Amino acid sequence: MAAKQPGMYSNPFWPRSFPDPFILKVRGHYYAYATEHETYPPTGSWVFPILTSTDLVHWNETGKAMPARGQAYTRY
């Protein structure tokens, strides 16, 4: 019986926008967090996408971390 071959990752590791990724390992699971790709996301929309993986190769979209708070300042 042949041993299972480990998967290979490539960059970009996620096919959609996932800027400034940060990966955290907790109890054998990996959590990837990203900044938002929209400059001013609408208030109440969810921002900061989260992905999960057990092997750093296969990723699942989990959701987003928090609701947007609106613009931080007003442009004149």
N, C-alpha and C. Protein backbone atom coordinates (compact mmCIF):
# COMPACT_ATOMS: atom_id res chain seq x y z
N MET A 1 0.84 -1.17 0.00
CA MET A 1 0.00 0.00 0.00
C MET A 1 0.89 1.24 0.00
N ALA A 2 0.66 2.14 -0.91
CA ALA A 2 1.45 3.36 -1.03
C ALA A 2 1.03 4.39 0.01
N ALA A 3 2.01 5.11 0.53
CA ALA A 3 1.71 6.16 1.51
C ALA A 3 1.05 7.34 0.80
N LYS A 4 0.17 8.01 1.51
CA LYS A 4 -0.50 9.19 0.96
C LYS A 4 0.52 10.31 0.76
N GLN A 5 0.55 10.88 -0.42
CA GLN A 5 1.46 11.97 -0.74
C GLN A 5 0.91 13.28 -0.18
N PRO A 6 1.78 14.11 0.40
CA PRO A 6 1.30 15.40 0.90
C PRO A 6 0.90 16.30 -0.27
N GLY A 7 -0.07 17.18 -0.03
CA GLY A 7 -0.50 18.11 -1.07
C GLY A 7 0.54 19.19 -1.29
N MET A 8 0.47 19.82 -2.40
CA MET A 8 1.39 20.92 -2.71
C MET A 8 0.57 22.20 -2.82
N TYR A 9 1.08 23.24 -2.22
CA TYR A 9 0.41 24.53 -2.32
C TYR A 9 1.09 25.36 -3.38
N SER A 10 0.40 26.37 -3.84
CA SER A 10 0.98 27.34 -4.76
C SER A 10 0.42 28.71 -4.42
N ASN A 11 1.12 29.72 -4.79
CA ASN A 11 0.64 31.08 -4.56
C ASN A 11 0.09 31.63 -5.85
N PRO A 12 -1.01 32.36 -5.81
CA PRO A 12 -1.76 32.63 -4.59
C PRO A 12 -2.50 31.38 -4.11
N PHE A 13 -2.61 31.23 -2.80
CA PHE A 13 -3.23 30.03 -2.25
C PHE A 13 -4.75 30.11 -2.25
N TRP A 14 -5.32 31.30 -2.48
CA TRP A 14 -6.78 31.48 -2.54
C TRP A 14 -7.11 32.19 -3.84
N PRO A 15 -8.11 31.72 -4.61
CA PRO A 15 -8.36 32.27 -5.94
C PRO A 15 -8.98 33.67 -5.97
N ARG A 16 -9.55 34.12 -4.86
CA ARG A 16 -10.16 35.46 -4.82
C ARG A 16 -9.26 36.41 -4.04
N SER A 17 -9.68 37.65 -3.98
CA SER A 17 -8.91 38.66 -3.26
C SER A 17 -8.74 38.25 -1.79
N PHE A 18 -7.50 38.27 -1.32
CA PHE A 18 -7.19 37.92 0.07
C PHE A 18 -5.92 38.69 0.46
N PRO A 19 -6.05 40.04 0.58
CA PRO A 19 -4.87 40.87 0.80
C PRO A 19 -4.28 40.74 2.20
N ASP A 20 -2.96 40.86 2.29
CA ASP A 20 -2.21 40.87 3.55
C ASP A 20 -2.54 39.68 4.44
N PRO A 21 -2.42 38.46 3.95
CA PRO A 21 -2.83 37.31 4.76
C PRO A 21 -1.97 37.11 6.01
N PHE A 22 -2.62 36.66 7.07
CA PHE A 22 -1.97 36.28 8.32
C PHE A 22 -2.52 34.90 8.68
N ILE A 23 -1.64 33.94 9.00
CA ILE A 23 -2.08 32.58 9.33
C ILE A 23 -1.73 32.27 10.77
N LEU A 24 -2.70 31.74 11.49
CA LEU A 24 -2.55 31.38 12.90
C LEU A 24 -2.85 29.90 13.05
N LYS A 25 -1.99 29.16 13.76
CA LYS A 25 -2.21 27.73 14.00
C LYS A 25 -2.73 27.55 15.43
N VAL A 26 -3.87 26.87 15.56
CA VAL A 26 -4.46 26.60 16.86
C VAL A 26 -4.90 25.14 16.89
N ARG A 27 -4.28 24.33 17.76
CA ARG A 27 -4.64 22.93 17.96
C ARG A 27 -4.76 22.14 16.64
N GLY A 28 -3.78 22.28 15.78
CA GLY A 28 -3.75 21.51 14.55
C GLY A 28 -4.59 22.07 13.41
N HIS A 29 -5.22 23.21 13.59
CA HIS A 29 -6.00 23.86 12.54
C HIS A 29 -5.37 25.21 12.23
N TYR A 30 -5.42 25.58 10.96
CA TYR A 30 -4.87 26.86 10.51
C TYR A 30 -6.02 27.80 10.19
N TYR A 31 -5.87 29.04 10.62
CA TYR A 31 -6.85 30.09 10.36
C TYR A 31 -6.14 31.22 9.63
N ALA A 32 -6.62 31.57 8.45
CA ALA A 32 -6.03 32.65 7.67
C ALA A 32 -6.99 33.84 7.71
N TYR A 33 -6.43 35.00 8.03
CA TYR A 33 -7.20 36.24 8.10
C TYR A 33 -6.62 37.21 7.09
N ALA A 34 -7.46 38.05 6.51
CA ALA A 34 -6.99 39.03 5.53
C ALA A 34 -7.60 40.40 5.83
N THR A 35 -6.95 41.43 5.30
CA THR A 35 -7.55 42.76 5.37
C THR A 35 -8.64 42.82 4.31
N GLU A 36 -9.37 43.89 4.28
CA GLU A 36 -10.48 44.02 3.34
C GLU A 36 -10.00 44.62 2.03
N HIS A 37 -10.53 44.16 0.92
CA HIS A 37 -10.12 44.70 -0.37
C HIS A 37 -10.88 45.97 -0.75
N GLU A 38 -12.00 46.25 -0.09
CA GLU A 38 -12.75 47.48 -0.36
C GLU A 38 -12.20 48.60 0.52
N THR A 39 -11.98 49.79 -0.06
CA THR A 39 -11.48 50.91 0.72
C THR A 39 -12.49 51.37 1.75
N TYR A 40 -13.75 51.51 1.35
CA TYR A 40 -14.81 51.93 2.26
C TYR A 40 -15.99 50.97 2.15
N PRO A 41 -15.94 49.83 2.83
CA PRO A 41 -17.06 48.90 2.76
C PRO A 41 -18.30 49.54 3.40
N PRO A 42 -19.47 49.21 2.91
CA PRO A 42 -20.69 49.79 3.46
C PRO A 42 -20.85 49.44 4.94
N THR A 43 -21.33 50.39 5.72
CA THR A 43 -21.58 50.16 7.14
C THR A 43 -22.52 48.97 7.30
N GLY A 44 -22.19 48.08 8.20
CA GLY A 44 -23.00 46.89 8.45
C GLY A 44 -22.62 45.67 7.63
N SER A 45 -21.86 45.88 6.53
CA SER A 45 -21.39 44.70 5.78
C SER A 45 -20.27 44.06 6.60
N TRP A 46 -19.98 42.81 6.33
CA TRP A 46 -18.95 42.10 7.10
C TRP A 46 -17.61 42.21 6.38
N VAL A 47 -16.53 42.37 7.17
CA VAL A 47 -15.18 42.57 6.62
C VAL A 47 -14.18 41.61 7.27
N PHE A 48 -12.99 41.55 6.72
CA PHE A 48 -11.88 40.71 7.17
C PHE A 48 -12.20 39.22 7.01
N PRO A 49 -12.03 38.70 5.77
CA PRO A 49 -12.34 37.30 5.49
C PRO A 49 -11.48 36.32 6.30
N ILE A 50 -12.08 35.15 6.60
CA ILE A 50 -11.42 34.10 7.36
C ILE A 50 -11.49 32.80 6.56
N LEU A 51 -10.35 32.11 6.46
CA LEU A 51 -10.28 30.78 5.84
C LEU A 51 -9.76 29.80 6.89
N THR A 52 -10.10 28.51 6.74
CA THR A 52 -9.59 27.47 7.63
C THR A 52 -8.98 26.34 6.81
N SER A 53 -8.00 25.65 7.42
CA SER A 53 -7.33 24.53 6.76
C SER A 53 -6.73 23.62 7.83
N THR A 54 -6.53 22.36 7.48
CA THR A 54 -5.82 21.44 8.37
C THR A 54 -4.44 21.09 7.81
N ASP A 55 -4.17 21.50 6.55
CA ASP A 55 -2.92 21.11 5.92
C ASP A 55 -2.18 22.23 5.17
N LEU A 56 -2.67 23.44 5.23
CA LEU A 56 -2.11 24.60 4.52
C LEU A 56 -2.20 24.48 3.00
N VAL A 57 -2.91 23.49 2.50
CA VAL A 57 -3.07 23.30 1.06
C VAL A 57 -4.53 23.49 0.66
N HIS A 58 -5.42 22.85 1.37
CA HIS A 58 -6.86 22.91 1.08
C HIS A 58 -7.52 23.87 2.07
N TRP A 59 -8.14 24.91 1.54
CA TRP A 59 -8.72 25.97 2.37
C TRP A 59 -10.22 26.03 2.20
N ASN A 60 -10.92 26.39 3.28
CA ASN A 60 -12.37 26.58 3.26
C ASN A 60 -12.70 27.98 3.76
N GLU A 61 -13.62 28.61 3.06
CA GLU A 61 -14.07 29.94 3.48
C GLU A 61 -14.99 29.79 4.68
N THR A 62 -14.69 30.50 5.75
CA THR A 62 -15.45 30.38 6.99
C THR A 62 -16.43 31.53 7.17
N GLY A 63 -16.10 32.68 6.69
CA GLY A 63 -16.94 33.87 6.85
C GLY A 63 -16.06 35.09 6.98
N LYS A 64 -16.58 36.09 7.68
CA LYS A 64 -15.82 37.32 7.90
C LYS A 64 -15.84 37.65 9.39
N ALA A 65 -14.85 38.39 9.84
CA ALA A 65 -14.61 38.56 11.26
C ALA A 65 -15.53 39.55 11.97
N MET A 66 -15.91 40.64 11.32
CA MET A 66 -16.67 41.66 12.05
C MET A 66 -17.41 42.57 11.09
N PRO A 67 -18.43 43.29 11.58
CA PRO A 67 -19.14 44.24 10.72
C PRO A 67 -18.32 45.50 10.49
N ALA A 68 -18.46 46.08 9.31
CA ALA A 68 -17.78 47.34 9.00
C ALA A 68 -18.37 48.46 9.84
N ARG A 69 -17.53 49.41 10.18
CA ARG A 69 -17.98 50.51 11.02
C ARG A 69 -18.19 51.79 10.23
N GLY A 70 -18.03 51.75 8.92
CA GLY A 70 -18.19 52.96 8.10
C GLY A 70 -16.86 53.67 7.92
N GLN A 71 -16.90 54.82 7.27
CA GLN A 71 -15.69 55.57 6.99
C GLN A 71 -15.07 56.10 8.28
N ALA A 72 -13.77 56.08 8.33
CA ALA A 72 -13.06 56.57 9.51
C ALA A 72 -12.97 58.10 9.51
N TYR A 73 -13.04 58.70 8.35
CA TYR A 73 -12.99 60.15 8.27
C TYR A 73 -13.79 60.62 7.07
N THR A 74 -14.09 61.89 7.03
CA THR A 74 -14.85 62.46 5.93
C THR A 74 -13.89 63.22 5.01
N ARG A 75 -14.02 63.00 3.72
CA ARG A 75 -13.20 63.73 2.75
C ARG A 75 -13.88 65.03 2.41
N TYR A 76 -13.08 66.08 2.25
CA TYR A 76 -13.63 67.40 1.90
C TYR A 76 -13.31 67.73 0.47
